[in-house]
Amino acid sequence: MKTIKTIIAATLGASMLAAPTAALAHATLEVQEAAVGSTYKAIVRVGHGCEGEATHTLRVQVPEGYVNVKPQPKAGWKLETVRGAYEKAYTLYGHEHKKGVKEVIWSGNELPDDHYDEFVLRGTLASDLQAGTTFHIPVVQECANGAERWIQIPAEGQDPHELESPAPGVKLIEKKKGH
């Protein structure tokens, strides 16, 4: 019986080591797949602070192609947006959009290192984005002793798990026909 427990423990330990390290990242996206040309609710998950310190600010950089972004307020947190011009105009529901939110900032409250939380924004993934690729949304997590910058975007063909501070990403898929 002891041998079976040893084998099970060894198997579980090995499978945990072989699992992707994204689960250990400070910032990830809950929804891992979204259709090009559709609305995408980005739920940014923050699993802990910076080297033991509480997170007091979270900045989400809105990349080109994520259009008409609207953040969700959080109780106890100050919400700011930085607006700017898009690199090109996007047409959504018959209206042309030439500028919009470029950065979302939640600040003022504290997320203790041993707590977990989610920060939400919603927008549209442009219809000219390429299905089959990963769309990255850079995140900067600020704490009293510094910041964690989850902004590295892998080169084509590079495994994001090889990066020290990968930006959270969502795999883009083709939009289904109909509603």
Protein backbone atom coordinates (compact mmCIF):
# COMPACT_ATOMS: atom_id res chain seq x y z
CA MET A 1 0.00 0.00 0.00
CA LYS A 2 2.84 2.37 0.83
CA THR A 3 4.29 1.79 -2.66
CA ILE A 4 1.02 2.86 -4.34
CA LYS A 5 0.93 6.08 -2.25
CA THR A 6 4.54 6.76 -3.19
CA ILE A 7 3.80 6.25 -6.90
CA ILE A 8 0.72 8.51 -6.73
CA ALA A 9 2.65 11.23 -4.89
CA ALA A 10 5.52 11.02 -7.38
CA THR A 11 3.12 11.16 -10.34
CA LEU A 12 1.29 14.18 -8.95
CA GLY A 13 4.57 15.94 -8.20
CA ALA A 14 5.89 15.29 -11.70
CA SER A 15 2.67 16.45 -13.34
CA MET A 16 2.77 19.69 -11.35
CA LEU A 17 6.33 20.31 -12.53
CA ALA A 18 5.33 19.62 -16.12
CA ALA A 19 2.31 21.94 -15.97
CA PRO A 20 2.62 25.37 -17.63
CA THR A 21 4.02 28.05 -15.34
CA ALA A 22 1.34 30.57 -16.33
CA ALA A 23 -0.58 29.54 -13.23
CA LEU A 24 2.28 30.95 -11.17
CA ALA A 25 2.21 34.32 -12.94
CA HIS A 26 1.04 37.42 -11.10
CA ALA A 27 -1.42 38.50 -13.81
CA THR A 28 -3.41 36.22 -16.09
CA LEU A 29 -6.62 36.38 -18.12
CA GLU A 30 -9.50 34.19 -17.01
CA VAL A 31 -10.96 33.76 -20.50
CA GLN A 32 -8.26 32.17 -22.65
CA GLU A 33 -10.02 32.26 -26.05
CA ALA A 34 -12.09 34.89 -27.90
CA ALA A 35 -13.48 35.43 -31.38
CA VAL A 36 -12.09 38.11 -33.67
CA GLY A 37 -14.68 40.87 -34.20
CA SER A 38 -16.57 40.08 -30.99
CA THR A 39 -16.98 41.61 -27.57
CA TYR A 40 -14.34 40.40 -25.11
CA LYS A 41 -14.61 40.70 -21.33
CA ALA A 42 -11.02 40.71 -20.09
CA ILE A 43 -10.91 39.48 -16.51
CA VAL A 44 -7.40 40.18 -15.25
CA ARG A 45 -6.58 37.91 -12.32
CA VAL A 46 -4.00 39.00 -9.76
CA GLY A 47 -2.90 36.14 -7.53
CA HIS A 48 -0.56 37.91 -5.12
CA GLY A 49 1.48 41.03 -4.48
CA CYS A 50 5.11 41.90 -5.18
CA GLU A 51 7.58 39.91 -3.08
CA GLY A 52 5.32 39.94 -0.02
CA GLU A 53 4.00 43.49 -0.44
CA ALA A 54 0.37 44.39 -1.13
CA THR A 55 -0.66 45.57 -4.60
CA HIS A 56 -1.94 49.17 -4.49
CA THR A 57 -2.24 49.93 -8.23
CA LEU A 58 -3.03 47.87 -11.29
CA ARG A 59 -2.47 49.31 -14.76
CA VAL A 60 -3.80 47.59 -17.87
CA GLN A 61 -2.38 48.79 -21.17
CA VAL A 62 -5.05 48.57 -23.86
CA PRO A 63 -3.38 47.34 -27.05
CA GLU A 64 -4.29 48.45 -30.56
CA GLY A 65 -7.18 46.35 -31.81
CA TYR A 66 -9.05 46.21 -28.48
CA VAL A 67 -11.62 48.92 -29.16
CA ASN A 68 -14.33 50.78 -27.24
CA VAL A 69 -12.98 49.51 -23.90
CA LYS A 70 -14.97 50.17 -20.75
CA PRO A 71 -13.58 49.20 -17.33
CA GLN A 72 -15.68 47.90 -14.47
CA PRO A 73 -15.43 49.96 -11.26
CA LYS A 74 -14.34 48.14 -8.08
CA ALA A 75 -15.57 49.09 -4.63
CA GLY A 76 -12.80 50.78 -2.65
CA TRP A 77 -10.61 51.40 -5.72
CA LYS A 78 -10.20 54.66 -7.65
CA LEU A 79 -10.72 54.09 -11.38
CA GLU A 80 -8.98 56.17 -14.06
CA THR A 81 -8.72 55.85 -17.82
CA VAL A 82 -6.20 57.37 -20.21
CA ARG A 83 -7.68 58.10 -23.60
CA GLY A 84 -5.88 58.59 -26.89
CA ALA A 85 -6.02 58.18 -30.64
CA TYR A 86 -6.08 54.76 -32.25
CA GLU A 87 -3.53 54.06 -34.98
CA LYS A 88 -6.47 53.76 -37.38
CA ALA A 89 -10.24 54.13 -37.32
CA TYR A 90 -12.45 51.16 -36.39
CA THR A 91 -16.09 50.76 -37.36
CA LEU A 92 -18.35 49.23 -34.72
CA TYR A 93 -22.10 48.94 -35.14
CA GLY A 94 -22.03 51.52 -37.94
CA HIS A 95 -20.05 54.11 -35.96
CA GLU A 96 -16.44 55.06 -36.59
CA HIS A 97 -14.10 55.10 -33.57
CA LYS A 98 -10.84 57.03 -33.92
CA LYS A 99 -9.92 57.26 -30.24
CA GLY A 100 -10.63 55.48 -27.01
CA VAL A 101 -9.24 54.10 -23.78
CA LYS A 102 -5.51 53.30 -24.02
CA GLU A 103 -4.89 52.50 -20.34
CA VAL A 104 -7.04 51.56 -17.33
CA ILE A 105 -5.77 52.24 -13.80
CA TRP A 106 -7.26 50.93 -10.55
CA SER A 107 -5.55 52.41 -7.46
CA GLY A 108 -5.87 53.49 -3.87
CA ASN A 109 -6.92 50.29 -2.20
CA GLU A 110 -4.64 47.43 -1.23
CA LEU A 111 -4.71 43.82 -2.27
CA PRO A 112 -2.68 41.95 0.39
CA ASP A 113 -0.04 39.54 -0.88
CA ASP A 114 -1.97 36.55 0.43
CA HIS A 115 -5.24 37.55 -1.31
CA TYR A 116 -6.53 37.19 -4.86
CA ASP A 117 -8.71 39.52 -6.94
CA GLU A 118 -10.00 40.21 -10.44
CA PHE A 119 -10.13 43.43 -12.44
CA VAL A 120 -12.52 43.62 -15.39
CA LEU A 121 -12.74 45.56 -18.63
CA ARG A 122 -14.87 44.99 -21.70
CA GLY A 123 -14.34 45.97 -25.31
CA THR A 124 -14.40 44.69 -28.88
CA LEU A 125 -11.62 42.72 -30.55
CA ALA A 126 -11.21 44.30 -33.99
CA SER A 127 -12.42 42.23 -36.93
CA ASP A 128 -9.07 42.63 -38.71
CA LEU A 129 -7.09 40.86 -35.97
CA GLN A 130 -5.68 37.52 -37.10
CA ALA A 131 -7.40 34.37 -35.86
CA GLY A 132 -4.97 31.70 -34.68
CA THR A 133 -2.70 34.21 -32.96
CA THR A 134 -2.48 35.28 -29.33
CA PHE A 135 -3.52 38.81 -28.40
CA HIS A 136 -1.56 40.16 -25.42
CA ILE A 137 -2.80 42.66 -22.86
CA PRO A 138 0.13 44.07 -20.83
CA VAL A 139 -0.40 44.59 -17.10
CA VAL A 140 1.69 46.48 -14.53
CA GLN A 141 1.15 45.62 -10.86
CA GLU A 142 2.48 48.28 -8.45
CA CYS A 143 3.38 47.69 -4.80
CA ALA A 144 5.14 49.72 -2.11
CA ASN A 145 8.51 48.12 -2.89
CA GLY A 146 8.33 48.33 -6.69
CA ALA A 147 6.37 46.89 -9.57
CA GLU A 148 5.85 43.69 -11.47
CA ARG A 149 5.64 44.43 -15.21
CA TRP A 150 3.76 41.67 -17.04
CA ILE A 151 4.48 43.24 -20.42
CA GLN A 152 6.75 40.86 -22.34
CA ILE A 153 5.22 39.67 -25.60
CA PRO A 154 6.76 36.51 -27.06
CA ALA A 155 8.29 36.57 -30.52
CA GLU A 156 6.52 34.51 -33.18
CA GLY A 157 6.98 30.83 -32.30
CA GLN A 158 8.42 31.58 -28.84
CA ASP A 159 6.89 29.85 -25.83
CA PRO A 160 5.59 32.58 -23.47
CA HIS A 161 6.60 30.39 -20.51
CA GLU A 162 10.24 31.08 -21.46
CA LEU A 163 9.75 34.77 -20.62
CA GLU A 164 10.36 36.13 -17.16
CA SER A 165 7.37 38.52 -17.18
CA PRO A 166 4.94 37.51 -19.95
CA ALA A 167 1.92 39.68 -20.73
CA PRO A 168 -1.39 37.87 -20.28
CA GLY A 169 -2.77 36.63 -23.59
CA VAL A 170 -5.97 35.43 -25.21
CA LYS A 171 -6.00 33.09 -28.22
CA LEU A 172 -7.96 34.57 -31.11
CA ILE A 173 -10.39 32.33 -32.99
CA GLU A 174 -12.65 32.83 -36.02
CA LYS A 175 -15.99 34.44 -35.33
CA LYS A 176 -18.88 32.04 -35.76
CA LYS A 177 -21.52 32.90 -38.34
CA GLY A 178 -24.88 34.20 -37.10
CA HIS A 179 -25.62 35.53 -33.63
